[in-house]
Amino acid sequence: SFQYDKSKLVPFGEYVPFERLLRGIIKFFDLPMSSISKGNARNTLLPIKSSYISANICYEVVYPDFIARNSSGANLILTLSNDAWFGASIGPKQHMQMAQMRAIENSKPVIRVTNNGITGVIDHKGNFVKTLPQFVQSELELSVTGRSGETFYNRVRSSLVLFLVVMTCIILITRKNLLRSTK
């Protein structure tokens, strides 16, 4: 049997950061569902026929490194989401765009299933194959071909961004010092 325990919780929605300090002080932080515990089980890939699916829940798709780690060895990425709390805001579109980025970073198709947000399939290049608009009750039927292998992003993840930030700081400091010395 397959079990997936949600590991990345929504801050202030499913848990309160610094709970001991904030809970009780400000009424806003005493939300009914804001004391959920993250799962302890090591999340594994869901085997289906000759493929493996990286299953993720809702907000987890926001974390690029988390998805890269969870989708290692997977052929496609699945994300299930309850977008009801977004209402008619831009939230579901942003959530779908984040799923689109995970497809590009990992070069794997993403299947995004929601209760009332935007449901759809994104190919490994980030193209929307088929979508259902928000608040439309329907179903999608299509064939999705998974992909295997690692991308450059899978190997370096956010360390590339950190490297670029450090290099930019070094260049700016060096440039500032050179400008000072020429005056």
C-alpha atoms as a PDB file:
ATOM      1  CA  SER A   1       0.000   0.000   0.000  1.00  0.00           C
ATOM      2  CA  PHE A   2       1.046   3.578  -0.625  1.00  0.00           C
ATOM      3  CA  GLN A   3       1.042   6.306   1.989  1.00  0.00           C
ATOM      4  CA  TYR A   4       2.048   9.908   1.516  1.00  0.00           C
ATOM      5  CA  ASP A   5       2.485  12.198   4.495  1.00  0.00           C
ATOM      6  CA  LYS A   6       2.448  15.902   3.713  1.00  0.00           C
ATOM      7  CA  SER A   7       5.843  17.348   4.640  1.00  0.00           C
ATOM      8  CA  LYS A   8       5.563  21.025   3.727  1.00  0.00           C
ATOM      9  CA  LEU A   9       2.745  22.761   5.556  1.00  0.00           C
ATOM     10  CA  VAL A  10       1.250  26.163   4.722  1.00  0.00           C
ATOM     11  CA  PRO A  11       2.629  28.744   7.183  1.00  0.00           C
ATOM     12  CA  PHE A  12      -0.160  30.422   9.170  1.00  0.00           C
ATOM     13  CA  GLY A  13      -2.736  28.205   7.433  1.00  0.00           C
ATOM     14  CA  GLU A  14      -1.759  24.712   8.591  1.00  0.00           C
ATOM     15  CA  TYR A  15       0.782  25.639  11.239  1.00  0.00           C
ATOM     16  CA  VAL A  16       1.945  28.767  13.020  1.00  0.00           C
ATOM     17  CA  PRO A  17       5.688  29.485  12.886  1.00  0.00           C
ATOM     18  CA  PHE A  18       7.018  30.415  16.328  1.00  0.00           C
ATOM     19  CA  GLU A  19       3.787  29.006  17.727  1.00  0.00           C
ATOM     20  CA  ARG A  20       4.780  29.347  21.382  1.00  0.00           C
ATOM     21  CA  LEU A  21       5.357  33.073  20.897  1.00  0.00           C
ATOM     22  CA  LEU A  22       2.421  33.926  18.659  1.00  0.00           C
ATOM     23  CA  ARG A  23      -0.483  31.677  19.640  1.00  0.00           C
ATOM     24  CA  GLY A  24      -2.691  33.297  22.234  1.00  0.00           C
ATOM     25  CA  ILE A  25      -1.144  36.740  21.774  1.00  0.00           C
ATOM     26  CA  ILE A  26      -2.835  37.593  18.508  1.00  0.00           C
ATOM     27  CA  LYS A  27      -6.286  36.124  17.860  1.00  0.00           C
ATOM     28  CA  PHE A  28      -5.534  35.784  14.120  1.00  0.00           C
ATOM     29  CA  PHE A  29      -3.075  32.960  14.872  1.00  0.00           C
ATOM     30  CA  ASP A  30      -5.730  30.846  16.602  1.00  0.00           C
ATOM     31  CA  LEU A  31      -7.163  29.558  13.305  1.00  0.00           C
ATOM     32  CA  PRO A  32      -8.991  26.194  13.497  1.00  0.00           C
ATOM     33  CA  MET A  33      -6.660  24.220  11.178  1.00  0.00           C
ATOM     34  CA  SER A  34      -3.419  25.950  12.119  1.00  0.00           C
ATOM     35  CA  SER A  35      -2.013  23.191  14.310  1.00  0.00           C
ATOM     36  CA  ILE A  36      -1.470  20.365  11.832  1.00  0.00           C
ATOM     37  CA  SER A  37       1.700  18.295  12.227  1.00  0.00           C
ATOM     38  CA  LYS A  38       3.839  17.413   9.237  1.00  0.00           C
ATOM     39  CA  GLY A  39       4.189  13.766   8.327  1.00  0.00           C
ATOM     40  CA  ASN A  40       7.018  11.620   9.635  1.00  0.00           C
ATOM     41  CA  ALA A  41       7.028   8.863   7.036  1.00  0.00           C
ATOM     42  CA  ARG A  42       9.668   8.963   4.320  1.00  0.00           C
ATOM     43  CA  ASN A  43       7.773   9.751   1.165  1.00  0.00           C
ATOM     44  CA  THR A  44       8.216   7.210  -1.582  1.00  0.00           C
ATOM     45  CA  LEU A  45       7.317   7.085  -5.250  1.00  0.00           C
ATOM     46  CA  LEU A  46       3.935   5.736  -6.268  1.00  0.00           C
ATOM     47  CA  PRO A  47       4.418   2.844  -8.737  1.00  0.00           C
ATOM     48  CA  ILE A  48       1.884   2.631 -11.582  1.00  0.00           C
ATOM     49  CA  LYS A  49       2.534   0.039 -14.297  1.00  0.00           C
ATOM     50  CA  SER A  50       6.125   0.696 -15.421  1.00  0.00           C
ATOM     51  CA  SER A  51       6.210   4.300 -14.169  1.00  0.00           C
ATOM     52  CA  TYR A  52       6.788   6.053 -10.880  1.00  0.00           C
ATOM     53  CA  ILE A  53       4.838   9.086  -9.741  1.00  0.00           C
ATOM     54  CA  SER A  54       6.068  11.701  -7.303  1.00  0.00           C
ATOM     55  CA  ALA A  55       2.944  12.510  -5.274  1.00  0.00           C
ATOM     56  CA  ASN A  56       2.761  15.926  -3.620  1.00  0.00           C
ATOM     57  CA  ILE A  57       0.056  17.746  -1.732  1.00  0.00           C
ATOM     58  CA  CYS A  58      -1.016  21.336  -2.327  1.00  0.00           C
ATOM     59  CA  TYR A  59       1.544  23.885  -1.136  1.00  0.00           C
ATOM     60  CA  GLU A  60       4.485  21.488  -1.511  1.00  0.00           C
ATOM     61  CA  VAL A  61       4.680  22.383  -5.216  1.00  0.00           C
ATOM     62  CA  VAL A  62       5.862  25.861  -4.165  1.00  0.00           C
ATOM     63  CA  TYR A  63       9.226  24.462  -2.981  1.00  0.00           C
ATOM     64  CA  PRO A  64      11.569  23.790  -5.948  1.00  0.00           C
ATOM     65  CA  ASP A  65      14.213  21.849  -3.982  1.00  0.00           C
ATOM     66  CA  PHE A  66      11.564  19.741  -2.260  1.00  0.00           C
ATOM     67  CA  ILE A  67       9.967  18.759  -5.581  1.00  0.00           C
ATOM     68  CA  ALA A  68      13.384  18.077  -7.161  1.00  0.00           C
ATOM     69  CA  ARG A  69      14.275  15.761  -4.265  1.00  0.00           C
ATOM     70  CA  ASN A  70      10.851  14.060  -4.195  1.00  0.00           C
ATOM     71  CA  SER A  71      10.739  13.544  -7.959  1.00  0.00           C
ATOM     72  CA  SER A  72      14.159  11.897  -8.208  1.00  0.00           C
ATOM     73  CA  GLY A  73      13.481   8.571  -9.901  1.00  0.00           C
ATOM     74  CA  ALA A  74       9.928   9.563 -10.856  1.00  0.00           C
ATOM     75  CA  ASN A  75       8.574   9.769 -14.389  1.00  0.00           C
ATOM     76  CA  LEU A  76       5.955  12.386 -13.611  1.00  0.00           C
ATOM     77  CA  ILE A  77       4.880  14.719 -10.835  1.00  0.00           C
ATOM     78  CA  LEU A  78       1.383  14.697  -9.341  1.00  0.00           C
ATOM     79  CA  THR A  79       0.099  17.463  -7.119  1.00  0.00           C
ATOM     80  CA  LEU A  80      -3.300  17.399  -5.403  1.00  0.00           C
ATOM     81  CA  SER A  81      -4.630  20.654  -4.031  1.00  0.00           C
ATOM     82  CA  ASN A  82      -7.546  22.209  -2.205  1.00  0.00           C
ATOM     83  CA  ASP A  83      -7.613  25.710  -3.643  1.00  0.00           C
ATOM     84  CA  ALA A  84     -10.890  26.668  -1.931  1.00  0.00           C
ATOM     85  CA  TRP A  85      -9.147  28.985   0.504  1.00  0.00           C
ATOM     86  CA  PHE A  86      -7.881  31.129  -2.411  1.00  0.00           C
ATOM     87  CA  GLY A  87     -11.446  32.084  -3.368  1.00  0.00           C
ATOM     88  CA  ALA A  88     -11.721  34.103  -6.594  1.00  0.00           C
ATOM     89  CA  SER A  89      -8.239  35.614  -6.139  1.00  0.00           C
ATOM     90  CA  ILE A  90      -5.168  35.292  -8.348  1.00  0.00           C
ATOM     91  CA  GLY A  91      -3.926  32.503  -6.022  1.00  0.00           C
ATOM     92  CA  PRO A  92      -4.950  29.508  -8.182  1.00  0.00           C
ATOM     93  CA  LYS A  93      -3.224  31.017 -11.246  1.00  0.00           C
ATOM     94  CA  GLN A  94      -0.037  31.568  -9.243  1.00  0.00           C
ATOM     95  CA  HIS A  95      -0.278  28.039  -7.840  1.00  0.00           C
ATOM     96  CA  MET A  96      -0.567  26.670 -11.396  1.00  0.00           C
ATOM     97  CA  GLN A  97       2.408  28.788 -12.524  1.00  0.00           C
ATOM     98  CA  MET A  98       4.501  27.318  -9.713  1.00  0.00           C
ATOM     99  CA  ALA A  99       3.555  23.826 -10.910  1.00  0.00           C
ATOM    100  CA  GLN A 100       4.575  24.931 -14.414  1.00  0.00           C
ATOM    101  CA  MET A 101       8.023  25.927 -13.100  1.00  0.00           C
ATOM    102  CA  ARG A 102       8.456  22.528 -11.414  1.00  0.00           C
ATOM    103  CA  ALA A 103       7.721  20.836 -14.775  1.00  0.00           C
ATOM    104  CA  ILE A 104      10.431  22.912 -16.470  1.00  0.00           C
ATOM    105  CA  GLU A 105      13.011  22.506 -13.673  1.00  0.00           C
ATOM    106  CA  ASN A 106      12.594  18.731 -13.517  1.00  0.00           C
ATOM    107  CA  SER A 107      11.778  18.141 -17.214  1.00  0.00           C
ATOM    108  CA  LYS A 108       8.829  15.999 -16.163  1.00  0.00           C
ATOM    109  CA  PRO A 109       5.112  16.333 -16.819  1.00  0.00           C
ATOM    110  CA  VAL A 110       3.037  17.685 -13.945  1.00  0.00           C
ATOM    111  CA  ILE A 111      -0.544  16.598 -13.334  1.00  0.00           C
ATOM    112  CA  ARG A 112      -2.307  19.104 -11.091  1.00  0.00           C
ATOM    113  CA  VAL A 113      -5.661  18.062  -9.635  1.00  0.00           C
ATOM    114  CA  THR A 114      -7.740  20.502  -7.589  1.00  0.00           C
ATOM    115  CA  ASN A 115     -11.169  20.585  -6.000  1.00  0.00           C
ATOM    116  CA  ASN A 116     -12.037  24.048  -7.349  1.00  0.00           C
ATOM    117  CA  GLY A 117      -8.826  25.611  -8.582  1.00  0.00           C
ATOM    118  CA  ILE A 118      -7.202  25.163 -11.961  1.00  0.00           C
ATOM    119  CA  THR A 119      -6.778  21.493 -12.848  1.00  0.00           C
ATOM    120  CA  GLY A 120      -4.476  20.575 -15.682  1.00  0.00           C
ATOM    121  CA  VAL A 121      -1.586  18.758 -17.268  1.00  0.00           C
ATOM    122  CA  ILE A 122       1.708  20.494 -18.011  1.00  0.00           C
ATOM    123  CA  ASP A 123       4.286  18.856 -20.268  1.00  0.00           C
ATOM    124  CA  HIS A 124       8.001  18.562 -19.431  1.00  0.00           C
ATOM    125  CA  LYS A 125       8.725  21.856 -21.218  1.00  0.00           C
ATOM    126  CA  GLY A 126       6.152  23.815 -19.215  1.00  0.00           C
ATOM    127  CA  ASN A 127       3.446  23.926 -21.884  1.00  0.00           C
ATOM    128  CA  PHE A 128      -0.157  23.546 -20.755  1.00  0.00           C
ATOM    129  CA  VAL A 129      -1.458  20.408 -22.469  1.00  0.00           C
ATOM    130  CA  LYS A 130      -5.001  20.622 -21.157  1.00  0.00           C
ATOM    131  CA  THR A 131      -6.625  22.583 -18.326  1.00  0.00           C
ATOM    132  CA  LEU A 132      -9.950  23.081 -16.621  1.00  0.00           C
ATOM    133  CA  PRO A 133     -10.786  26.578 -15.398  1.00  0.00           C
ATOM    134  CA  GLN A 134     -11.391  27.409 -11.777  1.00  0.00           C
ATOM    135  CA  PHE A 135     -14.828  26.550 -10.314  1.00  0.00           C
ATOM    136  CA  VAL A 136     -15.670  24.161 -13.199  1.00  0.00           C
ATOM    137  CA  GLN A 137     -16.656  20.637 -12.184  1.00  0.00           C
ATOM    138  CA  SER A 138     -15.485  18.290 -14.911  1.00  0.00           C
ATOM    139  CA  GLU A 139     -12.813  15.742 -15.707  1.00  0.00           C
ATOM    140  CA  LEU A 140      -9.803  15.540 -17.967  1.00  0.00           C
ATOM    141  CA  GLU A 141      -9.068  12.438 -19.956  1.00  0.00           C
ATOM    142  CA  LEU A 142      -5.762  12.199 -21.765  1.00  0.00           C
ATOM    143  CA  SER A 143      -2.638  10.125 -22.002  1.00  0.00           C
ATOM    144  CA  VAL A 144       0.485  11.436 -20.281  1.00  0.00           C
ATOM    145  CA  THR A 145       3.931  10.104 -21.113  1.00  0.00           C
ATOM    146  CA  GLY A 146       6.389  10.219 -18.246  1.00  0.00           C
ATOM    147  CA  ARG A 147      10.072  11.071 -18.571  1.00  0.00           C
ATOM    148  CA  SER A 148      13.123   9.774 -16.771  1.00  0.00           C
ATOM    149  CA  GLY A 149      16.517  11.266 -16.097  1.00  0.00           C
ATOM    150  CA  GLU A 150      17.907  14.249 -14.266  1.00  0.00           C
ATOM    151  CA  THR A 151      18.200  17.858 -15.310  1.00  0.00           C
ATOM    152  CA  PHE A 152      20.978  20.297 -14.528  1.00  0.00           C
ATOM    153  CA  TYR A 153      18.618  21.841 -11.971  1.00  0.00           C
ATOM    154  CA  ASN A 154      18.123  18.451 -10.263  1.00  0.00           C
ATOM    155  CA  ARG A 155      21.864  18.228  -9.707  1.00  0.00           C
ATOM    156  CA  VAL A 156      22.555  21.773  -8.498  1.00  0.00           C
ATOM    157  CA  ARG A 157      19.136  22.887  -7.187  1.00  0.00           C
ATOM    158  CA  SER A 158      19.188  26.196  -5.351  1.00  0.00           C
ATOM    159  CA  SER A 159      22.948  26.093  -4.830  1.00  0.00           C
ATOM    160  CA  LEU A 160      23.233  27.701  -8.275  1.00  0.00           C
ATOM    161  CA  VAL A 161      21.125  30.653  -7.104  1.00  0.00           C
ATOM    162  CA  LEU A 162      23.217  30.950  -3.944  1.00  0.00           C
ATOM    163  CA  PHE A 163      26.416  30.867  -6.027  1.00  0.00           C
ATOM    164  CA  LEU A 164      25.097  33.614  -8.326  1.00  0.00           C
ATOM    165  CA  VAL A 165      24.077  35.794  -5.363  1.00  0.00           C
ATOM    166  CA  VAL A 166      27.525  35.409  -3.771  1.00  0.00           C
ATOM    167  CA  MET A 167      29.268  36.167  -7.086  1.00  0.00           C
ATOM    168  CA  THR A 168      27.080  39.251  -7.611  1.00  0.00           C
ATOM    169  CA  CYS A 169      27.947  40.517  -4.122  1.00  0.00           C
ATOM    170  CA  ILE A 170      31.666  39.963  -4.747  1.00  0.00           C
ATOM    171  CA  ILE A 171      31.465  41.821  -8.067  1.00  0.00           C
ATOM    172  CA  LEU A 172      29.544  44.735  -6.516  1.00  0.00           C
ATOM    173  CA  ILE A 173      31.956  45.050  -3.574  1.00  0.00           C
ATOM    174  CA  THR A 174      34.987  44.812  -5.870  1.00  0.00           C
ATOM    175  CA  ARG A 175      33.505  47.398  -8.225  1.00  0.00           C
ATOM    176  CA  LYS A 176      32.721  49.751  -5.338  1.00  0.00           C
ATOM    177  CA  ASN A 177      36.294  49.421  -3.999  1.00  0.00           C
ATOM    178  CA  LEU A 178      37.768  50.036  -7.471  1.00  0.00           C
ATOM    179  CA  LEU A 179      35.650  53.171  -7.894  1.00  0.00           C
ATOM    180  CA  ARG A 180      36.808  54.456  -4.488  1.00  0.00           C
ATOM    181  CA  SER A 181      40.484  53.855  -5.256  1.00  0.00           C
ATOM    182  CA  THR A 182      40.307  55.749  -8.569  1.00  0.00           C
ATOM    183  CA  LYS A 183      38.939  58.926  -6.934  1.00  0.00           C
END
